[in-house]
N, C-alpha and C. Protein backbone atom coordinates (compact mmCIF):
# COMPACT_ATOMS: atom_id res chain seq x y z
N MET A 1 5.55 13.96 2.45
CA MET A 1 4.74 14.91 3.15
C MET A 1 5.36 15.13 4.54
N LYS A 2 5.45 16.37 4.94
CA LYS A 2 6.02 16.69 6.24
C LYS A 2 4.99 16.40 7.33
N LEU A 3 5.51 16.11 8.52
CA LEU A 3 4.64 15.75 9.63
C LEU A 3 3.62 16.86 9.94
N GLU A 4 4.03 18.11 9.87
CA GLU A 4 3.11 19.21 10.17
C GLU A 4 1.92 19.20 9.22
N GLU A 5 2.19 18.95 7.94
CA GLU A 5 1.12 18.89 6.95
C GLU A 5 0.21 17.69 7.23
N SER A 6 0.81 16.56 7.60
CA SER A 6 0.02 15.37 7.92
C SER A 6 -0.88 15.61 9.12
N VAL A 7 -0.36 16.27 10.13
CA VAL A 7 -1.17 16.55 11.32
C VAL A 7 -2.35 17.45 10.96
N LYS A 8 -2.15 18.41 10.08
CA LYS A 8 -3.26 19.27 9.63
C LYS A 8 -4.32 18.44 8.91
N MET A 9 -3.88 17.48 8.10
CA MET A 9 -4.83 16.62 7.40
C MET A 9 -5.58 15.75 8.40
N TRP A 10 -4.86 15.26 9.41
CA TRP A 10 -5.50 14.47 10.46
C TRP A 10 -6.56 15.30 11.17
N GLU A 11 -6.24 16.56 11.48
CA GLU A 11 -7.20 17.42 12.13
C GLU A 11 -8.42 17.66 11.25
N LYS A 12 -8.19 17.77 9.95
CA LYS A 12 -9.29 18.04 9.01
C LYS A 12 -10.16 16.81 8.79
N TYR A 13 -9.54 15.65 8.56
CA TYR A 13 -10.29 14.45 8.20
C TYR A 13 -10.40 13.42 9.32
N GLY A 14 -9.34 13.21 10.07
CA GLY A 14 -9.32 12.14 11.07
C GLY A 14 -10.27 12.36 12.21
N LEU A 15 -10.36 13.58 12.70
CA LEU A 15 -11.26 13.85 13.81
C LEU A 15 -12.71 13.70 13.40
N GLU A 16 -12.99 13.92 12.13
CA GLU A 16 -14.34 13.76 11.59
C GLU A 16 -14.59 12.32 11.13
N GLU A 17 -13.51 11.52 11.08
CA GLU A 17 -13.55 10.15 10.58
C GLU A 17 -14.13 10.08 9.17
N THR A 18 -13.69 11.01 8.32
CA THR A 18 -14.08 10.98 6.92
C THR A 18 -12.89 10.53 6.07
N ILE A 19 -13.16 10.10 4.88
CA ILE A 19 -12.14 9.60 3.96
C ILE A 19 -11.76 10.71 2.98
N GLU A 20 -10.48 10.83 2.74
CA GLU A 20 -9.98 11.77 1.73
C GLU A 20 -9.43 10.96 0.57
N PHE A 21 -9.70 11.40 -0.64
CA PHE A 21 -9.14 10.76 -1.82
C PHE A 21 -7.98 11.60 -2.32
N ARG A 22 -6.82 10.94 -2.47
CA ARG A 22 -5.62 11.63 -2.96
C ARG A 22 -4.71 10.62 -3.63
N THR A 23 -3.79 11.14 -4.43
CA THR A 23 -2.79 10.31 -5.08
C THR A 23 -1.52 10.33 -4.25
N LEU A 24 -0.97 9.13 -3.96
CA LEU A 24 0.24 9.03 -3.16
C LEU A 24 1.33 8.32 -3.94
N HIS A 25 2.57 8.74 -3.71
CA HIS A 25 3.74 8.10 -4.31
C HIS A 25 4.02 6.81 -3.54
N PHE A 26 4.58 5.81 -4.23
CA PHE A 26 4.91 4.54 -3.58
C PHE A 26 5.77 4.74 -2.33
N SER A 27 6.65 5.74 -2.33
CA SER A 27 7.54 5.96 -1.19
C SER A 27 6.79 6.39 0.06
N GLU A 28 5.54 6.81 -0.08
CA GLU A 28 4.73 7.23 1.07
C GLU A 28 3.94 6.07 1.68
N LEU A 29 3.97 4.91 1.03
CA LEU A 29 3.16 3.78 1.44
C LEU A 29 3.96 2.77 2.25
N LEU A 30 3.32 2.15 3.22
CA LEU A 30 3.88 1.02 3.95
C LEU A 30 3.26 -0.23 3.33
N ILE A 31 4.09 -1.01 2.63
CA ILE A 31 3.64 -2.19 1.90
C ILE A 31 4.40 -3.39 2.42
N ALA A 32 3.68 -4.44 2.80
CA ALA A 32 4.32 -5.65 3.31
C ALA A 32 4.90 -6.48 2.18
N LYS A 33 6.17 -6.87 2.34
CA LYS A 33 6.80 -7.78 1.39
C LYS A 33 6.09 -9.13 1.46
N GLY A 34 5.89 -9.63 2.66
CA GLY A 34 5.11 -10.84 2.86
C GLY A 34 5.86 -12.12 2.58
N ASP A 35 5.09 -13.16 2.27
CA ASP A 35 5.64 -14.49 2.05
C ASP A 35 4.72 -15.24 1.08
N HIS A 36 4.78 -16.54 1.10
CA HIS A 36 3.98 -17.37 0.22
C HIS A 36 2.48 -17.05 0.30
N ASP A 37 2.00 -16.65 1.47
CA ASP A 37 0.57 -16.46 1.68
C ASP A 37 0.10 -15.00 1.77
N THR A 38 1.02 -14.07 1.94
CA THR A 38 0.60 -12.69 2.18
C THR A 38 1.48 -11.70 1.43
N GLY A 39 1.04 -10.45 1.42
CA GLY A 39 1.84 -9.35 0.91
C GLY A 39 2.13 -9.40 -0.58
N VAL A 40 3.16 -8.66 -0.97
CA VAL A 40 3.54 -8.53 -2.38
C VAL A 40 3.99 -9.86 -2.97
N VAL A 41 4.69 -10.67 -2.20
CA VAL A 41 5.17 -11.95 -2.72
C VAL A 41 3.99 -12.81 -3.17
N ALA A 42 2.99 -12.97 -2.32
CA ALA A 42 1.82 -13.77 -2.66
C ALA A 42 1.03 -13.13 -3.79
N THR A 43 0.95 -11.81 -3.80
CA THR A 43 0.19 -11.12 -4.83
C THR A 43 0.83 -11.29 -6.20
N HIS A 44 2.17 -11.28 -6.27
CA HIS A 44 2.84 -11.54 -7.55
C HIS A 44 2.47 -12.91 -8.10
N ARG A 45 2.42 -13.89 -7.22
CA ARG A 45 2.04 -15.23 -7.65
C ARG A 45 0.62 -15.21 -8.22
N ASP A 46 -0.28 -14.54 -7.53
CA ASP A 46 -1.66 -14.43 -8.02
C ASP A 46 -1.72 -13.80 -9.41
N VAL A 47 -1.02 -12.68 -9.58
CA VAL A 47 -1.06 -11.96 -10.86
C VAL A 47 -0.48 -12.82 -11.98
N ARG A 48 0.63 -13.52 -11.70
CA ARG A 48 1.21 -14.42 -12.71
C ARG A 48 0.23 -15.53 -13.10
N GLU A 49 -0.57 -15.97 -12.14
CA GLU A 49 -1.53 -17.04 -12.40
C GLU A 49 -2.85 -16.51 -12.96
N GLY A 50 -2.89 -15.21 -13.28
CA GLY A 50 -4.08 -14.63 -13.89
C GLY A 50 -5.12 -14.14 -12.91
N LYS A 51 -4.81 -14.13 -11.63
CA LYS A 51 -5.74 -13.65 -10.61
C LYS A 51 -5.48 -12.17 -10.38
N CYS A 52 -5.99 -11.37 -11.28
CA CYS A 52 -5.76 -9.92 -11.22
C CYS A 52 -6.79 -9.25 -10.32
N SER A 53 -6.61 -7.96 -10.15
CA SER A 53 -7.51 -7.19 -9.31
C SER A 53 -8.94 -7.28 -9.82
N ARG A 54 -9.86 -7.43 -8.88
CA ARG A 54 -11.29 -7.43 -9.23
C ARG A 54 -11.83 -6.01 -9.26
N THR A 55 -11.04 -5.07 -8.74
CA THR A 55 -11.46 -3.67 -8.67
C THR A 55 -10.34 -2.77 -9.20
N PRO A 56 -9.96 -2.95 -10.48
CA PRO A 56 -8.78 -2.27 -11.00
C PRO A 56 -8.86 -0.74 -11.07
N ASN A 57 -10.04 -0.19 -11.11
CA ASN A 57 -10.17 1.26 -11.28
C ASN A 57 -10.61 1.97 -10.02
N THR A 58 -10.38 1.34 -8.88
CA THR A 58 -10.75 1.98 -7.62
C THR A 58 -9.50 2.29 -6.81
N PRO A 59 -9.57 3.29 -5.94
CA PRO A 59 -8.41 3.63 -5.12
C PRO A 59 -8.07 2.51 -4.14
N ILE A 60 -6.78 2.38 -3.83
CA ILE A 60 -6.39 1.46 -2.77
C ILE A 60 -6.79 2.11 -1.45
N GLN A 61 -6.93 1.30 -0.41
CA GLN A 61 -7.30 1.83 0.90
C GLN A 61 -6.06 1.89 1.78
N VAL A 62 -5.87 3.03 2.42
CA VAL A 62 -4.73 3.22 3.30
C VAL A 62 -5.18 3.93 4.57
N VAL A 63 -4.41 3.72 5.63
CA VAL A 63 -4.63 4.44 6.87
C VAL A 63 -3.32 5.12 7.23
N TRP A 64 -3.40 6.39 7.60
CA TRP A 64 -2.21 7.15 7.98
C TRP A 64 -1.79 6.71 9.37
N LEU A 65 -0.49 6.36 9.50
CA LEU A 65 0.06 6.00 10.80
C LEU A 65 0.90 7.17 11.30
N ARG A 66 0.40 7.82 12.30
CA ARG A 66 1.03 9.03 12.82
C ARG A 66 2.48 8.79 13.24
N GLU A 67 2.75 7.63 13.88
CA GLU A 67 4.10 7.35 14.39
C GLU A 67 5.15 7.37 13.28
N GLU A 68 4.75 6.98 12.09
CA GLU A 68 5.70 6.88 10.98
C GLU A 68 5.48 7.93 9.91
N ASN A 69 4.38 8.65 9.99
CA ASN A 69 4.00 9.63 8.97
C ASN A 69 4.01 8.98 7.58
N LYS A 70 3.45 7.78 7.52
CA LYS A 70 3.30 7.04 6.27
C LYS A 70 1.91 6.44 6.24
N PHE A 71 1.58 5.85 5.09
CA PHE A 71 0.25 5.32 4.88
C PHE A 71 0.31 3.80 4.74
N LEU A 72 -0.32 3.10 5.67
CA LEU A 72 -0.35 1.64 5.67
C LEU A 72 -1.42 1.16 4.68
N VAL A 73 -1.01 0.32 3.75
CA VAL A 73 -1.96 -0.23 2.78
C VAL A 73 -2.80 -1.29 3.48
N THR A 74 -4.13 -1.09 3.48
CA THR A 74 -5.04 -2.06 4.09
C THR A 74 -5.83 -2.84 3.05
N ASP A 75 -5.86 -2.36 1.83
CA ASP A 75 -6.51 -3.09 0.74
C ASP A 75 -5.98 -2.54 -0.58
N GLY A 76 -5.64 -3.47 -1.50
CA GLY A 76 -5.23 -3.02 -2.83
C GLY A 76 -3.91 -3.59 -3.32
N TYR A 77 -3.46 -4.68 -2.75
CA TYR A 77 -2.17 -5.24 -3.15
C TYR A 77 -2.13 -5.63 -4.63
N HIS A 78 -3.21 -6.18 -5.16
CA HIS A 78 -3.21 -6.54 -6.58
C HIS A 78 -3.07 -5.29 -7.45
N ARG A 79 -3.78 -4.23 -7.08
CA ARG A 79 -3.68 -2.96 -7.84
C ARG A 79 -2.28 -2.39 -7.75
N ILE A 80 -1.64 -2.51 -6.59
CA ILE A 80 -0.27 -2.01 -6.42
C ILE A 80 0.70 -2.77 -7.31
N VAL A 81 0.65 -4.10 -7.27
CA VAL A 81 1.56 -4.91 -8.07
C VAL A 81 1.34 -4.65 -9.56
N GLU A 82 0.09 -4.60 -9.99
CA GLU A 82 -0.19 -4.35 -11.40
C GLU A 82 0.31 -2.97 -11.83
N ALA A 83 0.12 -1.96 -10.99
CA ALA A 83 0.61 -0.61 -11.31
C ALA A 83 2.14 -0.58 -11.37
N ALA A 84 2.79 -1.25 -10.42
CA ALA A 84 4.26 -1.30 -10.41
C ALA A 84 4.79 -1.96 -11.67
N MET A 85 4.13 -3.02 -12.10
CA MET A 85 4.58 -3.72 -13.31
C MET A 85 4.39 -2.86 -14.56
N ARG A 86 3.46 -1.91 -14.50
CA ARG A 86 3.27 -0.97 -15.62
C ARG A 86 4.22 0.23 -15.51
N GLY A 87 4.97 0.31 -14.41
CA GLY A 87 5.91 1.40 -14.22
C GLY A 87 5.31 2.64 -13.59
N GLU A 88 4.12 2.54 -13.08
CA GLU A 88 3.48 3.70 -12.43
C GLU A 88 4.12 3.93 -11.06
N GLU A 89 4.26 5.17 -10.68
CA GLU A 89 4.92 5.51 -9.42
C GLU A 89 3.96 6.04 -8.36
N LYS A 90 2.72 6.29 -8.74
CA LYS A 90 1.74 6.84 -7.80
C LYS A 90 0.46 6.02 -7.87
N MET A 91 -0.28 6.05 -6.77
CA MET A 91 -1.52 5.29 -6.66
C MET A 91 -2.64 6.19 -6.17
N PRO A 92 -3.83 6.06 -6.76
CA PRO A 92 -4.98 6.75 -6.17
C PRO A 92 -5.35 6.03 -4.87
N CYS A 93 -5.59 6.80 -3.82
CA CYS A 93 -5.82 6.22 -2.50
C CYS A 93 -7.05 6.82 -1.83
N ALA A 94 -7.72 5.98 -1.05
CA ALA A 94 -8.75 6.43 -0.12
C ALA A 94 -8.08 6.43 1.25
N VAL A 95 -7.86 7.62 1.79
CA VAL A 95 -7.06 7.77 3.01
C VAL A 95 -7.96 7.90 4.23
N GLU A 96 -7.72 7.05 5.20
CA GLU A 96 -8.36 7.16 6.50
C GLU A 96 -7.34 7.87 7.40
N TRP A 97 -7.71 9.04 7.89
CA TRP A 97 -6.77 9.89 8.62
C TRP A 97 -6.88 9.74 10.13
N THR A 98 -7.40 8.65 10.64
CA THR A 98 -7.56 8.54 12.09
C THR A 98 -6.23 8.52 12.83
N GLY A 99 -5.15 8.10 12.15
CA GLY A 99 -3.83 8.11 12.77
C GLY A 99 -3.41 6.79 13.37
N TYR A 100 -4.30 5.82 13.38
CA TYR A 100 -3.96 4.51 13.93
C TYR A 100 -4.94 3.49 13.38
N THR A 101 -4.63 2.24 13.58
CA THR A 101 -5.55 1.16 13.24
C THR A 101 -5.36 0.02 14.22
N LEU A 102 -6.45 -0.56 14.65
CA LEU A 102 -6.38 -1.72 15.52
C LEU A 102 -6.53 -3.01 14.72
N ARG A 103 -7.02 -2.88 13.48
CA ARG A 103 -7.25 -4.06 12.65
C ARG A 103 -6.01 -4.52 11.91
N PHE A 104 -5.09 -3.61 11.65
CA PHE A 104 -3.90 -3.92 10.87
C PHE A 104 -2.67 -3.46 11.62
N THR A 105 -1.56 -4.16 11.39
CA THR A 105 -0.30 -3.73 11.99
C THR A 105 0.68 -3.39 10.87
N ALA A 106 1.53 -2.44 11.14
CA ALA A 106 2.55 -2.06 10.16
C ALA A 106 3.55 -3.20 10.03
N PRO A 107 3.99 -3.49 8.80
CA PRO A 107 5.01 -4.53 8.65
C PRO A 107 6.31 -4.09 9.32
N THR A 108 7.06 -5.08 9.83
CA THR A 108 8.36 -4.76 10.42
C THR A 108 9.26 -4.18 9.34
N LYS A 109 10.28 -3.46 9.73
CA LYS A 109 11.15 -2.80 8.76
C LYS A 109 11.79 -3.78 7.78
N ASP A 110 12.10 -5.00 8.23
CA ASP A 110 12.71 -5.99 7.34
C ASP A 110 11.67 -6.70 6.46
N ASN A 111 10.39 -6.43 6.69
CA ASN A 111 9.33 -7.04 5.88
C ASN A 111 8.58 -5.99 5.06
N ARG A 112 9.26 -4.90 4.74
CA ARG A 112 8.64 -3.83 3.95
C ARG A 112 9.23 -3.78 2.55
N VAL A 113 8.38 -3.42 1.62
CA VAL A 113 8.85 -3.09 0.29
C VAL A 113 9.24 -1.62 0.35
N ASN A 114 10.47 -1.31 -0.03
CA ASN A 114 10.98 0.04 0.14
C ASN A 114 10.99 0.89 -1.11
N SER A 115 10.66 0.28 -2.26
CA SER A 115 10.67 1.07 -3.49
C SER A 115 9.86 0.39 -4.57
N LEU A 116 9.51 1.16 -5.55
CA LEU A 116 8.82 0.63 -6.73
C LEU A 116 9.69 -0.43 -7.40
N ARG A 117 10.98 -0.17 -7.48
CA ARG A 117 11.91 -1.12 -8.10
C ARG A 117 11.87 -2.47 -7.39
N GLU A 118 11.79 -2.44 -6.06
CA GLU A 118 11.76 -3.68 -5.30
C GLU A 118 10.50 -4.49 -5.62
N ILE A 119 9.37 -3.82 -5.81
CA ILE A 119 8.14 -4.52 -6.19
C ILE A 119 8.33 -5.22 -7.53
N VAL A 120 8.91 -4.51 -8.48
CA VAL A 120 9.15 -5.09 -9.81
C VAL A 120 10.14 -6.25 -9.71
N GLU A 121 11.21 -6.07 -8.93
CA GLU A 121 12.21 -7.13 -8.78
C GLU A 121 11.60 -8.38 -8.13
N LEU A 122 10.71 -8.19 -7.17
CA LEU A 122 10.06 -9.34 -6.55
C LEU A 122 9.28 -10.14 -7.58
N SER A 123 8.73 -9.45 -8.57
CA SER A 123 7.98 -10.18 -9.61
C SER A 123 8.91 -11.04 -10.45
N LYS A 124 10.16 -10.65 -10.58
CA LYS A 124 11.13 -11.42 -11.36
C LYS A 124 11.71 -12.58 -10.56
N THR A 125 11.78 -12.42 -9.24
CA THR A 125 12.47 -13.43 -8.44
C THR A 125 11.54 -14.40 -7.73
N SER A 126 10.28 -14.01 -7.53
CA SER A 126 9.38 -14.94 -6.84
C SER A 126 9.07 -16.11 -7.75
N ARG A 127 8.99 -17.29 -7.14
CA ARG A 127 8.79 -18.50 -7.92
C ARG A 127 7.35 -18.93 -7.92
N ARG A 128 6.97 -19.59 -8.98
CA ARG A 128 5.61 -20.10 -9.10
C ARG A 128 5.40 -21.24 -8.11
N VAL A 129 4.32 -21.18 -7.40
CA VAL A 129 3.99 -22.20 -6.42
C VAL A 129 2.94 -23.11 -7.04
N LYS A 130 3.18 -24.42 -6.97
CA LYS A 130 2.23 -25.37 -7.55
C LYS A 130 1.37 -26.00 -6.50
């Protein structure tokens, strides 16, 4: 999505602080790679251990970050990992268009998942924690 289009959406939804429901491609999302306790790495471990999403048919929650013109995932890592493992490339999302968040921070560039393939590869390489 181009920045001009994003700004129009922000003007439409963000100023009113309403949520928009839309489908987004993985490339539009900011997803934390994480570690043993957080992000995609920890979520893969959960899914392997049978701890799947408790809300599989609901949109993930994202907030649009104006500085990056991307959507930061604030809830839905289990749904993301499960969808990636099924080969899905898009996710239904509940978008908060305020343009910023004080509750969550964007992952650093070296701690981001950059593609659907990377999510799937992490599932193959992450080790089971006992």
